Protein backbone atom coordinates (compact mmCIF):
# COMPACT_ATOMS: atom_id res chain seq x y z
CA MET A 1 -2.09 52.69 49.13
CA ASN A 2 -3.52 52.94 52.68
CA LYS A 3 -3.65 50.09 55.20
CA ASN A 4 -7.34 49.33 54.54
CA LYS A 5 -6.72 48.93 50.81
CA ILE A 6 -3.68 46.75 51.45
CA ALA A 7 -5.66 44.55 53.85
CA CYS A 8 -8.49 44.25 51.33
CA PHE A 9 -6.06 43.36 48.53
CA VAL A 10 -4.37 40.70 50.68
CA SER A 11 -7.73 39.20 51.68
CA VAL A 12 -8.92 39.00 48.07
CA SER A 13 -5.60 37.44 47.02
CA ILE A 14 -5.84 34.80 49.74
CA LEU A 15 -9.42 33.95 48.77
CA PHE A 16 -8.43 33.72 45.10
CA LEU A 17 -5.50 31.41 45.84
CA ALA A 18 -7.64 29.27 48.13
CA SER A 19 -10.27 28.98 45.40
CA CYS A 20 -7.63 28.00 42.82
CA SER A 21 -6.20 25.41 45.21
CA SER A 22 -9.68 23.99 45.84
CA ASN A 23 -10.39 23.80 42.10
CA ASN A 24 -7.08 22.08 41.39
CA LYS A 25 -7.70 19.49 44.11
CA GLU A 26 -11.17 18.77 42.72
CA PHE A 27 -9.87 18.46 39.15
CA GLU A 28 -7.06 16.16 40.27
CA LYS A 29 -9.42 13.99 42.31
CA GLN A 30 -11.78 13.49 39.35
CA LYS A 31 -9.05 12.92 36.79
CA GLY A 32 -9.21 9.42 35.33
CA ILE A 33 -11.71 6.57 35.32
CA SER A 34 -12.98 4.99 38.53
CA LEU A 35 -13.31 1.21 38.51
CA GLU A 36 -14.76 0.88 42.00
CA GLN A 37 -17.29 -1.94 42.07
CA THR A 38 -20.96 -1.85 42.90
CA THR A 39 -22.23 -4.36 45.46
CA GLU A 40 -23.47 -6.55 42.62
CA ASN A 41 -20.02 -6.84 41.05
CA GLU A 42 -17.00 -7.53 43.20
CA ASN A 43 -14.45 -8.63 40.62
CA ILE A 44 -12.19 -5.56 40.25
CA ASN A 45 -10.71 -6.66 36.92
CA ASP A 46 -14.06 -7.51 35.29
CA LEU A 47 -14.62 -4.35 33.25
CA GLU A 48 -17.40 -5.87 31.17
CA ASN A 49 -19.66 -6.13 34.26
CA ASN A 50 -18.44 -3.01 36.04
CA GLN A 51 -21.56 -0.84 36.21
CA GLN A 52 -19.70 2.38 37.07
CA PHE A 53 -17.38 1.83 34.11
CA ASN A 54 -20.26 1.13 31.73
CA ASP A 55 -22.33 4.08 32.97
CA LEU A 56 -19.69 6.73 32.24
CA LYS A 57 -21.35 9.83 30.83
CA THR A 58 -19.55 11.53 27.96
CA ARG A 59 -19.87 14.53 25.65
CA PRO A 60 -18.20 15.34 22.33
CA GLY A 61 -15.53 18.00 22.03
CA LYS A 62 -14.28 19.75 18.92
CA VAL A 63 -14.19 18.22 15.46
CA LEU A 64 -10.51 17.76 14.58
CA LEU A 65 -9.83 18.57 10.94
CA THR A 66 -7.21 16.20 9.54
CA GLY A 67 -5.13 16.68 6.41
CA HIS A 68 -7.36 14.10 4.71
CA ASN A 69 -10.61 15.86 3.84
CA ASN A 70 -12.79 12.76 4.17
CA HIS A 71 -11.48 11.86 7.64
CA ARG A 72 -12.63 13.75 10.72
CA LEU A 73 -12.00 13.05 14.41
CA ILE A 74 -14.11 14.02 17.42
CA SER A 75 -12.75 14.05 20.96
CA ILE A 76 -14.96 12.38 23.57
CA PHE A 77 -14.77 13.80 27.10
CA LYS A 78 -15.97 12.50 30.45
CA VAL A 79 -18.80 14.44 32.09
CA ASN A 80 -17.58 15.43 35.55
CA TYR A 81 -19.61 16.70 38.49
CA SER A 82 -18.34 19.45 40.77
CA LYS A 83 -19.47 19.07 44.38
CA ARG A 84 -18.32 22.63 45.01
CA THR A 85 -20.45 24.28 42.31
CA LYS A 86 -23.04 21.48 42.04
CA LYS A 87 -22.69 21.59 38.26
CA THR A 88 -21.35 19.27 35.58
CA PHE A 89 -18.35 20.18 33.46
CA THR A 90 -16.22 18.65 30.72
CA GLY A 91 -12.72 19.16 29.44
CA SER A 92 -11.86 20.79 26.13
CA ASN A 93 -9.21 20.41 23.46
CA GLY A 94 -5.81 21.98 23.98
CA TYR A 95 -3.03 21.88 21.41
CA HIS A 96 0.74 21.58 21.54
CA SER A 97 2.23 23.67 18.77
CA SER A 98 5.41 25.25 17.49
CA TYR A 99 6.13 27.90 14.89
CA SER A 100 9.50 27.36 13.32
CA TYR A 101 11.66 26.80 10.30
CA ASP A 102 14.81 24.82 10.92
CA ASP A 103 18.13 24.23 9.17
CA TYR A 104 16.85 21.13 7.38
CA GLY A 105 14.18 22.82 5.29
CA ASN A 106 11.30 21.71 7.49
CA SER A 107 8.38 24.08 7.88
CA ARG A 108 6.22 23.19 10.84
CA TYR A 109 3.77 26.07 11.18
CA ARG A 110 1.39 25.06 13.98
CA SER A 111 2.41 21.41 13.94
CA TYR A 112 4.10 19.74 16.89
CA MET A 113 6.08 17.64 14.42
CA PRO A 114 6.03 18.02 10.60
CA GLY A 115 2.77 16.59 9.32
CA LEU A 116 1.31 15.97 12.78
CA SER A 117 -0.89 18.07 15.03
CA VAL A 118 -1.35 17.02 18.64
CA THR A 119 -4.26 17.57 20.99
CA TYR A 120 -4.94 16.81 24.64
CA GLY A 121 -7.67 17.51 27.19
CA TYR A 122 -8.90 16.89 30.72
CA ASN A 123 -10.48 13.41 30.97
CA MET A 124 -10.47 12.73 27.22
CA LEU A 125 -11.77 9.15 27.11
CA ASN A 126 -11.90 8.24 23.43
CA ILE A 127 -11.72 9.48 19.85
CA SER A 128 -14.54 9.06 17.36
CA HIS A 129 -13.51 8.67 13.71
CA TYR A 130 -15.93 9.66 10.94
CA ASN A 131 -15.52 8.95 7.22
CA LEU A 132 -17.36 11.55 5.15
CA ASP A 133 -17.30 9.36 2.02
CA SER A 134 -18.78 6.22 3.56
CA ASN A 135 -20.80 8.01 6.28
CA LYS A 136 -19.42 5.52 8.82
CA ARG A 137 -18.34 6.21 12.38
CA ASN A 138 -16.14 4.22 14.76
CA THR A 139 -14.13 4.84 17.92
CA LEU A 140 -10.39 4.26 18.18
CA PHE A 141 -10.79 2.35 21.46
CA LYS A 142 -13.50 -0.21 22.20
CA LYS A 143 -13.63 0.88 25.85
CA PRO A 144 -12.95 4.23 27.54
CA VAL A 145 -9.29 5.05 28.17
CA LEU A 146 -7.52 8.14 29.52
CA ILE A 147 -5.88 9.84 26.54
CA ASN A 148 -2.75 11.86 27.26
CA ASN A 149 -1.97 13.01 23.70
CA LEU A 150 -3.40 12.32 20.24
CA TYR A 151 -1.31 12.97 17.12
CA TYR A 152 -3.16 13.26 13.81
CA PRO A 153 -2.40 14.40 10.21
CA THR A 154 -2.22 18.17 10.27
CA LEU A 155 -4.42 20.35 8.10
CA SER A 156 -1.58 22.80 7.47
CA LYS A 157 0.85 22.41 4.58
CA ASP A 158 4.00 20.96 6.14
CA SER A 159 7.25 19.94 4.49
CA ILE A 160 10.44 18.01 5.18
CA ASN A 161 13.55 18.93 3.20
CA ASN A 162 11.26 21.21 1.18
CA ALA A 163 9.07 18.25 0.15
CA PRO A 164 5.38 18.20 1.18
CA VAL A 165 4.53 15.74 3.94
CA LEU A 166 1.13 14.25 4.74
CA ARG A 167 0.86 11.52 7.39
CA ASN A 168 -1.70 8.73 7.02
CA TYR A 169 -2.05 7.50 10.60
CA TYR A 170 -2.84 8.51 14.17
CA LEU A 171 -0.66 8.12 17.27
CA ALA A 172 -2.02 8.04 20.80
CA SER A 173 -0.38 7.93 24.23
CA VAL A 174 -2.96 6.62 26.70
CA TYR A 175 -3.63 5.03 30.05
CA ASN A 176 -5.76 2.07 28.99
CA GLU A 177 -5.54 -0.28 31.95
CA ASP A 178 -5.55 -0.24 35.74
CA THR A 179 -1.99 -1.56 35.84
CA ASN A 180 -1.38 -0.82 39.54
CA ASN A 181 -4.71 -2.33 40.69
CA ASP A 182 -5.94 0.70 42.65
CA SER A 183 -9.41 0.67 41.00
CA LEU A 184 -8.56 3.75 38.92
CA ILE A 185 -7.28 4.31 35.41
CA ASN A 186 -5.18 7.45 35.75
CA HIS A 187 -1.68 8.93 35.46
CA LYS A 188 -0.37 6.56 38.15
CA ASP A 189 -0.70 3.62 35.74
CA LEU A 190 1.64 2.70 32.88
CA ARG A 191 1.15 4.92 29.84
CA ARG A 192 1.05 3.04 26.51
CA PHE A 193 1.72 4.26 22.96
CA PHE A 194 -0.35 3.13 19.95
CA MET A 195 -0.63 3.72 16.21
CA PHE A 196 -3.89 3.55 14.22
CA ASN A 197 -4.47 3.41 10.49
CA LEU A 198 -6.35 6.28 8.83
CA ASP A 199 -9.74 4.58 9.29
CA GLY A 200 -9.01 3.95 12.97
CA THR A 201 -9.76 0.25 12.55
CA ASP A 202 -6.27 -1.23 12.88
CA ARG A 203 -4.18 -0.69 16.01
CA SER A 204 -0.59 -1.58 16.86
CA GLN A 205 1.42 -0.95 20.03
CA LEU A 206 4.74 0.83 19.44
CA ILE A 207 6.33 0.61 22.90
CA PRO A 208 6.39 -2.74 24.81
CA ASN A 209 3.55 -3.37 27.23
CA ASN A 210 5.79 -3.48 30.33
CA TYR A 211 6.91 0.14 29.87
CA GLY A 212 5.41 3.45 30.91
CA VAL A 213 5.95 6.27 28.42
CA LEU A 214 7.53 9.39 29.94
CA SER A 215 8.16 11.88 27.13
CA SER A 216 8.97 12.37 23.46
CA GLN A 217 11.07 14.57 21.21
CA TYR A 218 11.52 15.05 17.48
CA ASP A 219 14.69 14.07 15.58
CA ALA A 220 14.42 16.40 12.57
CA PRO A 221 17.33 15.12 10.41
CA ASN A 222 15.92 11.57 10.43
CA ASP A 223 12.21 12.33 10.80
CA TYR A 224 12.17 10.11 13.88
CA MET A 225 10.11 10.35 17.04
CA ILE A 226 12.23 9.66 20.12
CA ILE A 227 10.36 8.06 23.04
CA LYS A 228 11.67 7.93 26.60
CA ALA A 229 10.02 5.19 28.69
CA LYS A 230 10.51 3.52 32.07
CA ILE A 231 10.47 -0.26 32.34
CA ASP A 232 8.28 -1.86 35.01
CA GLN A 233 11.04 -4.11 36.34
CA ASN A 234 9.19 -5.34 39.43
CA ASN A 235 5.88 -5.85 37.58
CA ASN A 236 3.85 -3.81 40.07
CA GLY A 237 2.12 -1.85 37.31
CA LYS A 238 3.57 1.56 38.12
CA MET A 239 6.73 3.55 37.46
CA ASP A 240 9.00 3.52 40.50
CA GLU A 241 11.79 6.04 40.99
CA GLU A 242 14.62 3.48 40.88
CA GLU A 243 13.48 1.67 37.71
CA ALA A 244 15.53 1.97 34.52
CA ILE A 245 14.71 4.43 31.72
CA HIS A 246 15.15 3.32 28.11
CA ILE A 247 14.97 5.29 24.86
CA PHE A 248 13.35 4.15 21.60
CA TRP A 249 13.16 5.63 18.11
CA ILE A 250 10.20 5.40 15.73
CA ASP A 251 10.41 6.20 12.01
CA LEU A 252 7.53 8.58 11.28
CA ASN A 253 7.65 7.64 7.59
CA ASP A 254 6.66 4.09 8.50
CA PRO A 255 5.80 3.78 12.21
CA ARG A 256 6.55 0.35 13.62
CA PRO A 257 7.38 -0.90 17.13
CA GLY A 258 10.14 1.32 18.52
CA VAL A 259 13.78 0.33 18.23
CA ARG A 260 15.66 0.62 21.49
CA MET A 261 18.69 2.92 21.28
CA TYR A 262 19.49 3.13 25.02
């Protein structure tokens, strides 16, 4: 390769990296929900009268096929505007998955945990539930939130200890409140963890409100979901480095508020 070709290759590489960096900065800047007030409304915490909050433009994503044929979910994404390209764009559904058989007779196929698929997406603000039998539609959240992960009954045939498993609920980890009072709902706030019934009409919180969820793992022998969360000890609405981390377990056979194990 001569010097001219090398110089050309280096220049193209630099431009490509600069473009990627610019895109990432733009995506990061637009991630979340802005609660900045208009001149007519100056109360930061008054979401009902926040015009920017109420005027959020959204578009539907993919239809999520659950293991219950009469229940379908639709992801709702924020419509974003790129100043760089002068075009609008939305996120799309991604999926966490694993392909494995383990020593306990669990077959997980594409499921993140037996019986549960999990989806995520850039600026996913809500989930629409539709019942094919009743022809009724409702959203899981009354107001837009920032959804980190949604777990729903998988369409694949999963088993635990060689017995078929079919979940009848949804789990969602979300940022649903401007906990740190910076006029944004984003990943700097406390992340909460909720369960919904199959119709999406009944919601319960599984991790205490003064915690921010960090991560999860699956305890296969017990069919438990293990949640690691940080407690907001100084009540400033964000997770500080020095604050304590606690661990909870949730029984996936009958999800109830997590039991602290550490």
